[in-house]
Structures are given as C-alpha cells and as structure tokens.
Protein backbone atom coordinates (compact mmCIF):
# COMPACT_ATOMS: atom_id res chain seq x y z
CA MET A 1 -77.47 21.85 87.78
CA PRO A 2 -75.64 22.12 84.44
CA ALA A 3 -73.54 19.12 83.55
CA GLY A 4 -70.46 21.28 83.18
CA ALA A 5 -70.73 22.42 86.81
CA ARG A 6 -70.16 18.95 88.29
CA PRO A 7 -66.37 18.73 87.88
CA SER A 8 -65.91 22.02 89.75
CA LEU A 9 -67.26 20.38 92.90
CA ARG A 10 -64.40 17.90 92.84
CA THR A 11 -61.83 20.69 93.12
CA TRP A 12 -63.09 21.35 96.66
CA THR A 13 -60.40 19.08 98.03
CA VAL A 14 -60.03 17.63 101.50
CA ARG A 15 -57.27 20.15 102.11
CA SER A 16 -59.58 23.07 101.18
CA ARG A 17 -62.41 21.69 103.27
CA ILE A 18 -60.22 21.15 106.33
CA VAL A 19 -58.65 24.61 106.12
CA GLY A 20 -61.99 26.25 105.29
CA LEU A 21 -63.82 24.61 108.18
CA LEU A 22 -61.02 25.40 110.63
CA THR A 23 -60.92 29.00 109.42
CA LEU A 24 -64.69 29.33 109.78
CA LEU A 25 -64.50 27.77 113.24
CA SER A 26 -61.74 30.20 114.21
CA LEU A 27 -63.74 33.15 112.89
CA VAL A 28 -66.88 32.12 114.76
CA THR A 29 -64.89 31.46 117.93
CA VAL A 30 -63.14 34.84 117.79
CA PHE A 31 -66.37 36.77 117.18
CA VAL A 32 -68.28 34.87 119.84
CA ALA A 33 -65.54 35.61 122.34
CA GLY A 34 -65.38 39.25 121.24
CA GLY A 35 -69.18 39.58 121.32
CA VAL A 36 -69.37 38.24 124.85
CA ALA A 37 -66.61 40.60 125.93
CA TYR A 38 -68.39 43.53 124.24
CA VAL A 39 -71.72 42.78 125.93
CA VAL A 40 -70.09 42.44 129.34
CA GLU A 41 -68.12 45.66 128.92
CA ARG A 42 -71.18 47.56 127.63
CA SER A 43 -73.17 46.46 130.68
CA ARG A 44 -70.33 47.64 132.89
CA VAL A 45 -70.31 51.08 131.21
CA LEU A 46 -74.07 51.47 131.63
CA GLU A 47 -73.85 50.44 135.28
CA GLN A 48 -71.03 52.94 135.77
CA ILE A 49 -73.23 55.71 134.32
CA ASP A 50 -75.91 54.95 136.90
CA ARG A 51 -73.35 54.94 139.72
CA ASN A 52 -71.97 58.30 138.54
CA LEU A 53 -75.47 59.77 138.49
CA GLU A 54 -76.03 58.57 142.05
CA ALA A 55 -72.67 60.04 143.08
CA ALA A 56 -73.70 63.40 141.59
CA LEU A 57 -76.90 63.23 143.64
CA ASP A 58 -74.90 62.52 146.80
CA ALA A 59 -72.61 65.46 146.02
CA GLY A 60 -75.64 67.77 145.59
CA GLY A 61 -77.13 66.57 148.90
CA PHE A 62 -73.79 67.22 150.62
CA THR A 63 -73.77 70.76 149.20
CA VAL A 64 -77.28 71.45 150.51
CA ALA A 65 -76.43 70.12 153.94
CA GLN A 66 -73.30 72.26 154.37
CA GLN A 67 -75.12 75.49 155.30
CA GLU A 68 -78.40 77.24 155.75
CA TRP A 69 -79.87 78.40 152.45
CA GLU A 70 -82.29 81.26 152.06
CA SER A 71 -84.17 79.61 149.20
CA ALA A 72 -84.22 76.47 147.07
CA ASP A 73 -83.17 78.59 144.09
CA GLN A 74 -79.99 79.66 145.90
CA ALA A 75 -79.20 76.07 146.90
CA LEU A 76 -79.80 74.85 143.37
CA GLN A 77 -77.44 77.50 141.97
CA ALA A 78 -74.70 76.37 144.33
CA ILE A 79 -75.18 72.73 143.43
CA VAL A 80 -75.02 73.34 139.68
CA GLN A 81 -72.03 75.66 139.80
CA ARG A 82 -69.97 73.61 142.24
CA LEU A 83 -70.50 70.27 140.49
CA ALA A 84 -67.56 69.35 138.22
CA PRO A 85 -69.09 67.69 135.15
CA ASP A 86 -67.47 64.60 133.54
CA ASP A 87 -66.99 64.01 129.85
CA ASN A 88 -70.16 63.35 127.90
CA THR A 89 -72.34 64.83 130.69
CA GLY A 90 -74.61 67.81 131.18
CA THR A 91 -76.03 69.56 134.30
CA LEU A 92 -79.04 71.81 134.56
CA GLY A 93 -81.01 73.68 137.22
CA ILE A 94 -84.74 74.10 136.57
CA VAL A 95 -86.61 76.82 138.47
CA ASP A 96 -90.38 77.23 138.18
CA GLY A 97 -90.52 74.95 135.11
CA SER A 98 -87.77 76.73 133.14
CA ALA A 99 -84.03 76.13 132.67
CA ALA A 100 -82.37 78.62 135.01
CA TRP A 101 -78.88 77.49 135.99
CA LYS A 102 -75.97 75.87 134.07
CA PRO A 103 -72.41 75.01 135.15
CA GLY A 104 -69.79 77.68 134.84
CA VAL A 105 -67.85 75.57 132.32
CA GLN A 106 -68.84 74.30 128.94
CA THR A 107 -70.39 70.81 129.11
CA ASP A 108 -70.56 68.15 126.39
CA VAL A 109 -74.32 67.78 126.69
CA GLN A 110 -76.66 70.76 126.61
CA LEU A 111 -79.68 69.35 128.41
CA GLU A 112 -81.80 72.49 127.93
CA ALA A 113 -81.43 72.15 124.16
CA LEU A 114 -82.96 68.68 124.02
CA PRO A 115 -86.52 68.92 122.59
CA GLY A 116 -89.10 68.47 125.34
CA PHE A 117 -86.50 67.50 127.92
CA VAL A 118 -87.24 70.26 130.46
CA GLU A 119 -90.99 69.67 130.26
CA ARG A 120 -90.45 65.94 130.81
CA ILE A 121 -88.37 66.53 133.91
CA VAL A 122 -90.88 68.98 135.37
CA ALA A 123 -93.69 66.49 134.85
CA GLU A 124 -91.75 63.54 136.35
CA THR A 125 -90.73 65.45 139.49
CA ALA A 126 -94.10 67.13 140.12
CA GLY A 127 -94.73 64.79 143.01
CA GLY A 128 -91.35 65.53 144.62
CA GLU A 129 -89.77 62.12 143.72
CA ILE A 130 -86.20 61.51 142.63
CA VAL A 131 -86.33 60.09 139.09
CA MET A 132 -83.69 58.15 137.09
CA GLY A 133 -84.65 57.58 133.46
CA THR A 134 -83.56 57.51 129.85
CA TYR A 135 -84.34 60.16 127.24
CA ALA A 136 -84.27 58.89 123.65
CA GLN A 137 -85.33 61.14 120.80
CA ASP A 138 -83.99 62.19 117.40
CA GLY A 139 -81.18 59.59 117.61
CA ARG A 140 -79.97 60.94 120.94
CA THR A 141 -79.98 58.85 124.11
CA VAL A 142 -79.38 60.44 127.50
CA ARG A 143 -79.39 58.67 130.82
CA TYR A 144 -80.40 61.21 133.49
CA LEU A 145 -81.19 61.69 137.15
CA SER A 146 -83.50 64.48 138.40
CA ALA A 147 -84.06 65.44 142.04
CA PRO A 148 -86.17 68.27 143.59
CA VAL A 149 -84.25 70.76 145.79
CA ILE A 150 -86.37 71.54 148.86
CA ILE A 151 -85.45 73.94 151.68
CA GLY A 152 -87.50 73.66 154.78
CA GLU A 153 -90.86 71.92 154.87
CA PRO A 154 -92.40 71.38 151.40
CA ALA A 155 -95.84 72.84 150.73
CA ALA A 156 -98.40 70.09 150.50
CA GLY A 157 -99.73 69.47 146.99
CA GLU A 158 -97.38 71.99 145.32
CA PRO A 159 -94.69 70.89 142.82
CA PRO A 160 -91.09 71.69 143.77
CA SER A 161 -89.93 75.02 142.45
CA ALA A 162 -86.27 73.95 141.99
CA VAL A 163 -85.11 70.71 140.29
CA PHE A 164 -81.54 69.51 139.84
CA VAL A 165 -80.82 67.42 136.68
CA THR A 166 -77.66 65.73 135.47
CA GLY A 167 -77.34 63.32 132.55
CA TYR A 168 -74.92 61.25 130.44
CA ASP A 169 -74.87 60.93 126.66
CA VAL A 170 -75.01 57.10 126.42
CA ALA A 171 -73.85 56.91 122.80
CA ALA A 172 -70.87 59.14 123.52
CA GLU A 173 -69.98 57.07 126.61
CA LEU A 174 -70.11 53.88 124.53
CA ALA A 175 -68.28 55.39 121.55
CA GLU A 176 -64.86 54.37 122.83
CA LEU A 177 -66.04 50.81 123.40
CA ASP A 178 -67.67 50.72 119.96
CA GLU A 179 -64.43 51.95 118.36
CA ALA A 180 -62.50 49.20 120.12
CA ALA A 181 -65.07 46.67 118.88
CA ARG A 182 -64.63 47.89 115.30
CA VAL A 183 -60.85 47.65 115.55
CA PHE A 184 -61.21 44.17 117.06
CA SER A 185 -63.54 43.06 114.26
CA LEU A 186 -61.23 44.34 111.54
CA THR A 187 -58.21 42.76 113.21
CA ALA A 188 -60.07 39.44 113.62
CA LEU A 189 -61.04 39.41 109.94
CA LEU A 190 -57.48 40.14 108.83
CA ALA A 191 -56.07 37.55 111.24
CA THR A 192 -58.58 34.95 110.03
CA ALA A 193 -57.71 35.67 106.40
CA ALA A 194 -54.02 35.32 107.24
CA THR A 195 -54.78 32.09 109.09
CA PHE A 196 -56.59 30.76 106.02
CA VAL A 197 -53.67 31.55 103.71
CA ILE A 198 -51.08 30.17 106.12
CA GLY A 199 -53.28 27.11 106.71
CA LEU A 200 -53.42 26.45 102.98
CA LEU A 201 -49.65 26.71 102.68
CA VAL A 202 -48.92 24.57 105.73
CA SER A 203 -51.57 21.97 104.95
CA GLY A 204 -50.34 21.80 101.38
CA ARG A 205 -46.88 20.97 102.67
CA LEU A 206 -48.17 18.48 105.24
CA LEU A 207 -50.58 16.79 102.84
CA ARG A 208 -48.15 16.75 99.93
CA PRO A 209 -47.36 13.04 100.52
CA ILE A 210 -51.09 12.25 100.18
CA ARG A 211 -51.30 14.16 96.90
CA ARG A 212 -48.21 12.39 95.65
CA MET A 213 -49.69 9.14 96.91
CA ARG A 214 -52.74 9.72 94.71
CA GLU A 215 -50.58 10.66 91.73
CA VAL A 216 -48.39 7.60 92.17
CA ALA A 217 -51.47 5.39 92.52
CA GLU A 218 -52.89 6.83 89.30
CA ARG A 219 -49.64 6.18 87.42
CA SER A 220 -49.04 2.75 88.95
CA SER A 221 -50.27 -0.33 87.17
CA GLU A 222 -49.50 -3.98 86.97
CA ALA A 223 -46.94 -3.19 84.32
CA SER A 224 -45.07 -0.66 86.46
CA LEU A 225 -44.85 -0.55 90.26
CA THR A 226 -41.40 1.02 90.44
CA GLU A 227 -42.42 4.59 91.34
CA ARG A 228 -42.40 5.52 95.02
CA ILE A 229 -43.70 8.45 97.07
CA PRO A 230 -40.98 10.95 98.12
CA VAL A 231 -40.96 11.19 101.91
CA GLY A 232 -38.05 13.40 102.93
CA ASP A 233 -37.07 13.88 106.56
CA SER A 234 -40.58 14.40 107.99
CA ARG A 235 -41.68 12.23 110.89
CA ASP A 236 -45.38 13.13 111.05
CA ASP A 237 -48.30 10.73 110.59
CA VAL A 238 -48.82 11.60 106.92
CA SER A 239 -45.15 10.93 106.13
CA GLN A 240 -45.34 7.66 108.01
CA LEU A 241 -48.41 6.81 105.91
CA ALA A 242 -46.35 7.47 102.80
CA VAL A 243 -43.63 5.17 104.15
CA THR A 244 -46.26 2.49 104.77
CA VAL A 245 -47.67 2.86 101.26
CA ASN A 246 -44.15 2.65 99.81
CA GLY A 247 -43.68 -0.56 101.75
CA MET A 248 -46.99 -1.85 100.41
CA LEU A 249 -45.89 -1.01 96.85
CA ASP A 250 -42.62 -2.85 97.51
CA ARG A 251 -44.55 -5.91 98.63
CA LEU A 252 -46.94 -5.70 95.69
CA GLY A 253 -44.05 -5.28 93.30
CA GLY A 254 -42.27 -8.23 94.87
CA ALA A 255 -45.43 -10.32 94.69
CA LEU A 256 -45.94 -9.47 91.03
CA ASP A 257 -42.31 -10.24 90.25
CA SER A 258 -42.61 -13.50 92.17
CA GLN A 259 -45.81 -14.32 90.30
CA ARG A 260 -44.19 -13.64 86.93
CA ASP A 261 -41.17 -15.75 87.88
CA LEU A 262 -43.44 -18.52 89.12
CA LEU A 263 -45.51 -18.57 85.95
CA ARG A 264 -42.37 -18.53 83.83
CA ASP A 265 -40.74 -21.30 85.86
CA VAL A 266 -43.90 -23.42 86.03
CA GLY A 267 -44.38 -23.04 82.30
CA HIS A 268 -40.81 -24.15 81.75
CA GLU A 269 -41.05 -27.07 84.19
CA LEU A 270 -44.37 -28.37 82.83
CA LYS A 271 -43.44 -27.96 79.20
CA THR A 272 -40.94 -30.82 79.18
CA PRO A 273 -43.13 -33.54 80.78
CA ILE A 274 -46.09 -32.52 78.63
CA THR A 275 -43.89 -32.74 75.53
CA ILE A 276 -42.57 -36.14 76.63
CA VAL A 277 -46.08 -37.48 77.31
CA ARG A 278 -47.44 -36.18 74.00
CA GLY A 279 -44.49 -37.48 72.01
CA HIS A 280 -44.68 -41.00 73.41
CA LEU A 281 -48.48 -41.17 73.04
CA GLU A 282 -48.22 -40.09 69.42
CA LEU A 283 -45.54 -42.70 68.60
CA VAL A 284 -46.82 -45.65 70.61
CA ASP A 285 -47.79 -48.74 68.64
CA GLU A 286 -51.17 -49.58 70.13
CA HIS A 287 -50.94 -53.11 68.71
CA ASP A 288 -47.72 -53.85 70.64
CA PRO A 289 -48.68 -54.69 74.25
CA ALA A 290 -45.11 -54.36 75.51
CA GLU A 291 -44.72 -50.88 74.01
CA VAL A 292 -48.11 -49.82 75.36
CA ALA A 293 -47.16 -50.97 78.86
CA GLU A 294 -43.78 -49.21 78.65
CA THR A 295 -45.42 -45.99 77.42
CA ARG A 296 -48.06 -46.22 80.12
CA ALA A 297 -45.41 -46.49 82.85
CA LEU A 298 -43.50 -43.53 81.39
CA VAL A 299 -46.64 -41.37 81.14
CA ILE A 300 -47.64 -42.16 84.71
CA ASP A 301 -44.12 -41.28 85.89
CA GLU A 302 -44.28 -37.90 84.16
CA LEU A 303 -47.79 -37.25 85.49
CA ASP A 304 -46.54 -38.06 89.01
CA ARG A 305 -43.79 -35.51 88.49
CA MET A 306 -46.33 -32.87 87.49
CA ALA A 307 -48.55 -33.79 90.46
CA ARG A 308 -45.64 -33.37 92.87
CA LEU A 309 -44.83 -30.04 91.29
CA VAL A 310 -48.42 -28.84 91.78
CA ASP A 311 -48.43 -30.14 95.37
CA ASP A 312 -45.21 -28.31 96.15
CA LEU A 313 -46.51 -25.11 94.56
CA ARG A 314 -49.60 -25.32 96.75
CA ALA A 315 -47.45 -25.97 99.83
CA ALA A 316 -45.25 -22.96 99.03
CA ALA A 317 -48.29 -20.74 98.45
CA ARG A 318 -49.87 -21.91 101.71
CA LEU A 319 -46.78 -20.80 103.64
CA ARG A 320 -47.53 -17.21 102.63
CA ASP A 321 -50.88 -17.22 104.44
CA ALA A 322 -51.12 -15.09 107.59
CA ASP A 323 -52.26 -18.05 109.69
CA ALA A 324 -49.78 -20.56 108.28
CA PHE A 325 -47.40 -20.13 111.22
CA ALA A 326 -47.99 -20.55 114.96
CA ILE A 327 -44.88 -19.05 116.53
CA ARG A 328 -44.54 -19.73 120.25
CA GLU A 329 -41.91 -20.31 122.92
CA THR A 330 -40.35 -23.71 122.29
CA ASP A 331 -37.71 -25.80 124.03
CA LEU A 332 -35.08 -25.83 121.29
CA ALA A 333 -33.15 -28.80 122.69
CA ALA A 334 -36.25 -31.00 122.85
CA LEU A 335 -37.30 -29.90 119.36
CA THR A 336 -33.85 -30.74 117.96
CA GLU A 337 -33.99 -34.23 119.53
CA GLN A 338 -37.46 -34.82 118.07
CA ILE A 339 -36.33 -33.69 114.61
CA ALA A 340 -33.38 -36.08 114.80
CA MET A 341 -35.65 -38.94 115.84
CA LYS A 342 -37.99 -38.28 112.92
CA ALA A 343 -35.13 -37.80 110.47
CA ARG A 344 -33.99 -41.36 111.14
CA GLY A 345 -37.14 -42.43 109.29
CA VAL A 346 -36.11 -40.62 106.08
CA GLU A 347 -35.12 -43.18 103.48
CA GLY A 348 -31.40 -43.25 102.81
CA ALA A 349 -30.56 -40.94 105.75
CA ALA A 350 -27.85 -42.26 108.07
CA LEU A 351 -27.72 -39.91 111.06
CA GLU A 352 -24.93 -39.50 113.55
CA GLU A 353 -25.83 -40.69 117.02
CA ARG A 354 -24.72 -37.46 118.69
CA VAL A 355 -27.18 -34.56 118.36
CA GLU A 356 -25.90 -31.08 119.20
CA ALA A 357 -28.76 -29.13 120.82
CA ALA A 358 -28.90 -25.64 122.35
CA PRO A 359 -30.65 -25.67 125.76
CA VAL A 360 -32.70 -22.48 125.32
CA LEU A 361 -36.28 -21.37 124.86
CA ALA A 362 -36.80 -19.88 121.40
CA ARG A 363 -39.75 -18.25 119.65
CA LEU A 364 -40.51 -20.27 116.52
CA ASP A 365 -43.06 -22.52 114.87
CA PRO A 366 -41.91 -26.05 115.78
CA GLY A 367 -44.01 -27.68 113.06
CA ARG A 368 -42.63 -25.51 110.25
CA ILE A 369 -39.06 -25.76 111.54
CA THR A 370 -39.45 -29.56 111.62
CA GLN A 371 -40.73 -29.42 108.05
CA ALA A 372 -37.72 -27.40 106.90
CA MET A 373 -35.16 -29.55 108.73
CA LEU A 374 -36.61 -32.82 107.38
CA GLN A 375 -36.46 -31.35 103.90
CA LEU A 376 -32.77 -30.57 104.42
CA VAL A 377 -32.19 -34.11 105.69
CA ALA A 378 -33.96 -35.58 102.64
CA ASN A 379 -31.86 -33.34 100.42
CA ALA A 380 -28.66 -34.48 102.13
CA ALA A 381 -29.68 -38.15 101.88
CA ARG A 382 -29.92 -37.79 98.11
CA HIS A 383 -26.54 -36.19 97.55
CA ALA A 384 -24.30 -37.09 100.50
CA GLN A 385 -22.31 -40.11 101.55
CA GLY A 386 -21.78 -41.08 105.14
CA PRO A 387 -23.55 -39.95 108.26
CA ILE A 388 -25.61 -36.75 108.45
CA ALA A 389 -25.38 -34.45 111.49
CA ILE A 390 -28.39 -32.56 112.85
CA GLY A 391 -28.18 -29.91 115.54
CA SER A 392 -28.92 -26.44 116.84
CA ARG A 393 -26.78 -23.77 118.44
CA GLN A 394 -27.10 -20.33 120.04
CA ARG A 395 -25.38 -17.22 118.66
CA GLY A 396 -26.13 -14.49 121.20
CA ARG A 397 -29.88 -14.00 120.84
CA ASP A 398 -29.94 -15.76 117.47
CA VAL A 399 -30.66 -19.44 116.88
CA GLU A 400 -29.12 -21.61 114.19
CA LEU A 401 -30.39 -25.06 113.18
CA PHE A 402 -28.17 -27.01 110.82
CA VAL A 403 -27.92 -30.18 108.75
CA ARG A 404 -24.33 -31.20 107.91
CA ASP A 405 -23.48 -33.83 105.30
CA ARG A 406 -20.33 -35.35 103.84
CA GLY A 407 -21.26 -35.07 100.21
CA PRO A 408 -19.43 -33.42 97.30
CA GLY A 409 -20.43 -29.97 98.56
CA VAL A 410 -22.17 -27.08 96.79
CA PRO A 411 -20.20 -25.14 94.15
CA ASP A 412 -19.61 -21.51 95.04
CA GLU A 413 -21.58 -20.29 92.03
CA LEU A 414 -24.67 -22.20 93.25
CA LYS A 415 -24.59 -21.16 96.91
CA ALA A 416 -26.33 -17.85 96.23
CA VAL A 417 -29.11 -19.35 94.09
CA ILE A 418 -29.60 -22.89 95.36
CA PHE A 419 -32.59 -21.81 97.51
CA GLU A 420 -34.42 -20.30 94.54
CA ARG A 421 -37.38 -22.09 92.94
CA PHE A 422 -36.61 -24.87 90.48
CA ARG A 423 -32.86 -24.65 91.05
CA ARG A 424 -31.19 -28.04 90.88
CA GLY A 425 -27.66 -29.10 91.56
CA VAL A 426 -25.30 -29.95 88.73
CA ALA A 427 -25.72 -33.64 89.45
CA GLU A 428 -29.49 -33.48 88.99
CA GLY A 429 -31.14 -33.88 85.66
CA ARG A 430 -34.54 -34.20 84.12
CA GLY A 431 -34.74 -37.78 85.24
CA ASP A 432 -34.57 -36.74 88.89
CA ASP A 433 -37.91 -36.97 90.65
CA GLY A 434 -37.56 -33.74 92.66
CA SER A 435 -39.68 -30.69 91.92
CA GLY A 436 -37.00 -28.09 92.52
CA LEU A 437 -39.11 -26.43 95.24
CA GLY A 438 -37.86 -28.15 98.38
CA LEU A 439 -35.05 -25.75 99.26
CA ALA A 440 -37.24 -22.80 98.20
CA ILE A 441 -39.79 -23.90 100.81
CA VAL A 442 -36.99 -24.12 103.40
CA ALA A 443 -35.93 -20.57 102.56
CA LEU A 444 -39.54 -19.34 102.76
CA ILE A 445 -39.98 -20.89 106.23
CA ALA A 446 -36.80 -19.15 107.40
CA GLU A 447 -37.94 -15.83 105.94
CA ARG A 448 -41.31 -16.05 107.68
CA HIS A 449 -39.38 -16.38 110.94
CA GLY A 450 -37.49 -13.20 110.06
CA GLY A 451 -34.34 -15.14 109.22
CA ARG A 452 -32.68 -16.82 106.26
CA ALA A 453 -31.45 -20.14 104.94
CA TRP A 454 -27.89 -20.49 103.65
CA VAL A 455 -25.25 -23.05 102.90
CA ALA A 456 -21.56 -23.14 103.75
CA ASP A 457 -18.67 -25.52 103.22
CA ALA A 458 -18.10 -27.93 106.09
CA GLY A 459 -14.82 -29.65 105.29
CA ALA A 460 -15.76 -32.72 103.28
CA GLY A 461 -19.35 -31.72 102.66
CA SER A 462 -21.82 -28.89 103.20
CA GLU A 463 -23.72 -27.39 106.09
CA PHE A 464 -27.23 -26.10 105.44
CA VAL A 465 -28.24 -23.57 108.11
CA LEU A 466 -31.48 -21.91 109.23
CA THR A 467 -30.73 -18.65 111.07
CA LEU A 468 -33.54 -17.23 113.26
CA PRO A 469 -32.50 -13.78 114.56
CA GLY A 470 -33.60 -12.69 118.04
CA ALA A 471 -35.42 -15.97 118.68
CA VAL A 472 -33.81 -16.75 122.05
CA VAL A 473 -36.11 -16.07 124.99
CA ALA A 474 -34.47 -17.72 128.01
CA PRO A 475 -33.06 -21.05 129.20
CA PRO A 476 -35.90 -23.60 129.28
CA ALA A 477 -37.77 -24.37 132.46
CA HIS A 478 -36.98 -27.82 133.81
CA GLY A 479 -39.36 -30.42 132.46
CA ALA A 480 -41.13 -28.01 130.11
CA ALA A 481 -39.95 -29.57 126.88
CA ALA A 482 -42.96 -31.74 126.25
CA ALA A 483 -45.35 -28.85 126.74
CA HIS A 484 -43.67 -26.70 124.12
CA VAL A 485 -42.97 -29.10 121.28
CA ALA A 486 -45.66 -30.77 119.23
CA PRO A 487 -44.63 -30.82 115.55
CA PRO A 488 -47.22 -32.06 113.07
CA THR A 489 -47.11 -35.42 111.40
CA VAL A 490 -45.52 -35.48 107.94
CA ALA A 491 -47.07 -38.01 105.59
CA PRO A 492 -45.51 -39.45 102.42
CA HIS A 493 -46.87 -38.95 98.93
CA PRO A 494 -49.89 -41.13 98.32
CA ALA A 495 -49.63 -43.80 95.69
CA ARG A 496 -51.76 -43.04 92.66
CA PRO A 497 -54.06 -45.66 91.18
CA GLY A 498 -52.24 -47.74 88.64
CA ALA A 499 -48.84 -46.20 89.36
CA ALA A 500 -45.80 -48.31 90.01
CA ALA A 501 -44.51 -48.31 93.54
CA ARG A 502 -42.01 -45.49 94.13
CA PRO A 503 -39.73 -44.89 97.12
CA THR A 504 -40.96 -42.08 99.33
CA SER A 505 -38.81 -39.18 100.49
CA ALA A 506 -39.55 -39.75 104.13
CA ALA A 507 -41.42 -41.95 106.50
CA PRO A 508 -44.18 -40.69 108.73
CA THR A 509 -42.68 -38.39 111.31
CA GLY A 510 -42.29 -39.47 114.85
CA ALA A 511 -42.36 -43.21 114.01
CA ALA A 512 -40.08 -46.00 112.89
CA ARG A 513 -39.82 -46.67 109.17
CA PRO A 514 -42.92 -48.38 107.78
CA GLY A 515 -42.47 -52.13 107.53
CA SER A 516 -40.33 -52.38 110.66
CA PRO A 517 -41.46 -54.69 113.45
CA SER A 518 -42.57 -51.75 115.58
CA HIS A 519 -44.58 -50.20 112.78
CA PRO A 520 -46.61 -52.72 110.78
CA PRO A 521 -48.07 -51.53 107.48
CA ALA A 522 -51.36 -49.65 107.91
CA ASP A 523 -54.48 -49.78 105.83
CA PRO A 524 -53.74 -47.72 102.67
CA ALA A 525 -57.18 -46.13 102.82
CA ALA A 526 -56.51 -44.95 106.36
CA THR A 527 -53.02 -43.55 105.67
CA ARG A 528 -53.70 -41.84 102.34
CA ALA A 529 -52.62 -38.21 102.59
CA THR A 530 -53.93 -35.18 100.80
CA PRO A 531 -51.54 -32.76 99.08
CA GLU A 532 -51.97 -30.37 102.03
CA GLU A 533 -50.45 -33.05 104.30
CA GLN A 534 -47.19 -33.11 102.32
CA PRO A 535 -45.38 -30.03 103.57
CA TRP A 536 -41.92 -31.03 102.39
CA HIS A 537 -40.42 -32.81 99.41
CA ARG A 538 -37.03 -33.48 98.01
CA SER A 539 -35.66 -30.68 95.87
C-alpha cells in the first residue's frame, strides 16, 4: 500500500461506519424481505396456473357429459369453442395428429405455432393418459395440460384421435409480478440512498458534541483548560457525555489552578524560613558556644515550622482521596458530646459546661468532623478570651456544627478568605507557629460533605460554622449512639530529636490532658505519631 494512502483510511470516521453499516443492514433486510415475498408470490402464481388448467379440464369433461356426441371430433370442437380462454393462455384441438380446432376468439398464445408442440402432445397422449407438463424452447415457457377426448369405448392399442390441449405462457403470467419486483427494487435502492443521506445528517447533528469534544481535547493543554464543549438544549446520551466532559474539564482546571496556587504559596511560605536559616548559619560565630547554641535553637524552630507545613500539606492532600471519608449514619448528639469531651484536652481551651446538641441521625464522617471541630477549637483557644462554646443544631434537613468564642472577632474583609490556604489573621505574624492550613483543612472537610465552612459575628466574638446540607436522616434510635460514633484518635506532633520542648496544639483525643493523675505520661517511643496521624493543626 502506498504511504500516501494511509491517511485516507482515517477519514472513515465512526459516524461514516455506523451510518454505512446501518444502511447496508437496511438494504440487505429490505431485499431479503422482498426476495422472500417474491418467491412466495411466484410459487402462488405457478400453483394457480396448475389449478386453472385443472379447471379447464373439468369444464371440458362437463361439456362432454352434457349430451350424446356423434364423434370425438364433434365433442372436441364443442369443448374448444365453448371454453373462454384467460389472458396469457391458448387452447387447441388436435385431430389425427394435426391441429384442427381453435377458439372462436383470438388467444394470447398460439399453441399450434410453437415448434414441435403438436408432435410432443400427440406422443405424450398416445397411451390415452392425461398429461400436465411444461414446454420450454426458444426462450418460451408454456405450462400445459393435454387430455384425450374419447366417445364410447376406446379401441384397444389405438391412440386417441382427438386431443384437447390448453396452456399458459408462464413468463407472461409472471410478468406482472416481475414488474412489481423491479419497481420494489428501484424504490428500495432510492429509499436506502435517502436513508444514508438522512442518517449522515442526523448522526452528524447527534455526534457533533463528540466531534467538538475531540477538537476541544486537541486544543486543550495544561496552559489552557478554559474552552468547553457547547451542549445546547439536547438531553440525549451524547449531550450528557459532553456535560460530563465539561465537568471533568472544570475539575481538571480547578485542580491545576489549585496546584499552581499551592506551589506559589508553598514557595512563598518556605522561602522565609530557608532564608532565615541560611542567614543565621552564614553569620554564626562557630567559636562562640552561646551564639552557636542560640543559632541551633533558631534553626531547629524554623525546621519544625517547615516540617509542620509539609505535614499539613500531606494531610490536606490526603483528604482529596476517594477513600479518605467514611460517611455513615451517626448520632449527632452523641458525636457533639464526644467532640466537647475531647476539646477539653486542647491546651488553652476553656469550654462552657453546657453543650448544645441536636438529637438527630445525620450522614457524615464522624472522624473527619471531629478533626475539623477540634481544629476550630484550637484556633479559638489561640485567639479568644473566655469560655468556648461547642454545639450542633438542625436547620430543616441541614446540620450545623459550630464553635463560638469571645475573642476580638474576624474583620469583615477576612471573612471571605480566612479559610483559604496560608491565610492568617491580622494578629498573626511570622513568629506564629501555625502553618496557615488549619482552616483550609476545615473548609475541605466541609466541602467533601457537600457543605461549607463559614464564620459570622457572635456578639463579642465569632462563630465558626460547618454546614452539612441534607445530612439529617431521622431522630436517633434510643441507645444507638455508641454504635454510630467512633472518631479516630488525634495525636500531637512528635518531638524531634534535639528540639526544645514545644507546647502541643491538642492532647490525645478522648483522654484527659497528659500529665494529669488519670493519664500518666506514656513511653515516648510508644506514643510517637507519624505525620499521617496528625489530621489537624492550628492555623
């Protein structure tokens, strides 16, 4: 095959193949159906010819039986002249081996003119039998019936002197059917051609979203994912596929934008501690033990900051995994009480004794909701004064979990962006040990539940709220709380070798603060946590 012929094969598109195959299938189906109908009708015509020949024989026998005839020749004459011939038929009376009698009207078939026909009939009826046969010669086909006419007792061993013959021109009888078959074939071809053209037009319209999908995919790249496939008002499967692909492009575009923002933010966040570490290491007087110790402590502090940032980035990325959430029916009141009990172990958090809890069953991930609420409590403990309120409430079929503090509040210009990555309040500075990802993780947990995280003024302070739409299932079954709530343990940051002791953001969940009489210090090797076991941090 020439090399230049290869690209032409690619123009045989799926659309062309589908329409071509369907058109071919339609053509074959139509002609098979027409062929079957033609064969059945042709058989019926041939059977009707034989029945008509037998009817002509019965009519001749009735004529002979009506009266007494003087001779077979006289009876034969009466039969031939009284018989009314049909279209495409011929009748003949043979006497003593020669054509003697013909009907009084012109017939369509002149049997006596057929070459060798009379001789054939005389030979076939020599024994006095009635013969039905087919004459085919010189492109002419005649279906005939011949019967001897005998008056009185036949002479033994002598051939009949009078023979009656009638026949049908088979081709002429089938001509009308053949004409109908030709008209049918022409009509089928034209209809199939029209079907092919209409199929191309219709399929082109129906498959247009797929073609545009391919064109958009060819033009799309990492640099530009803004183009979308036009859908219109169609509601068919192909249009729904285009809608799905548009949604996929939206998600890919969002993921790329998020990735760019993350890389930009991480680069910005890591640049400062790296600069600080490098600057102090370059200027340290290695002969001054006090300065070396001071620089060492500062470097370790900055490295801890970078480690917490990396841990939080990994925690945020892990929340985007498909299996990161286990949403199930949960007793919201019991979960709220457990969160409040664990929040009392967060350092610096003074919680109100009263816990407002909604007595409903809700579909949520209790572990992730606990993670988000403890993060909000840790955030409030850093910025608020006075007791912190924790609770949950029902809004129709929606669920709201809240943490209310009595701090200075959140400025209006920060309320819309405070849950973004690396956003810090105006009171926070570079010396703060938060990563700037805590509230972003809270917002991500809410989004994965189909809801959102937001903040509102609450008199003297702020109220941070997680809204979970449509989460309410029913009031909880009595005594079912323990079966539905089992949040995971939240471990503090591990101490790094050689690092100075630092206060943790929270104590282990579900237990009294470490060091209390009910919770003696554990073996550090047994309680060391990996970064994956630190699902929340202070922002």
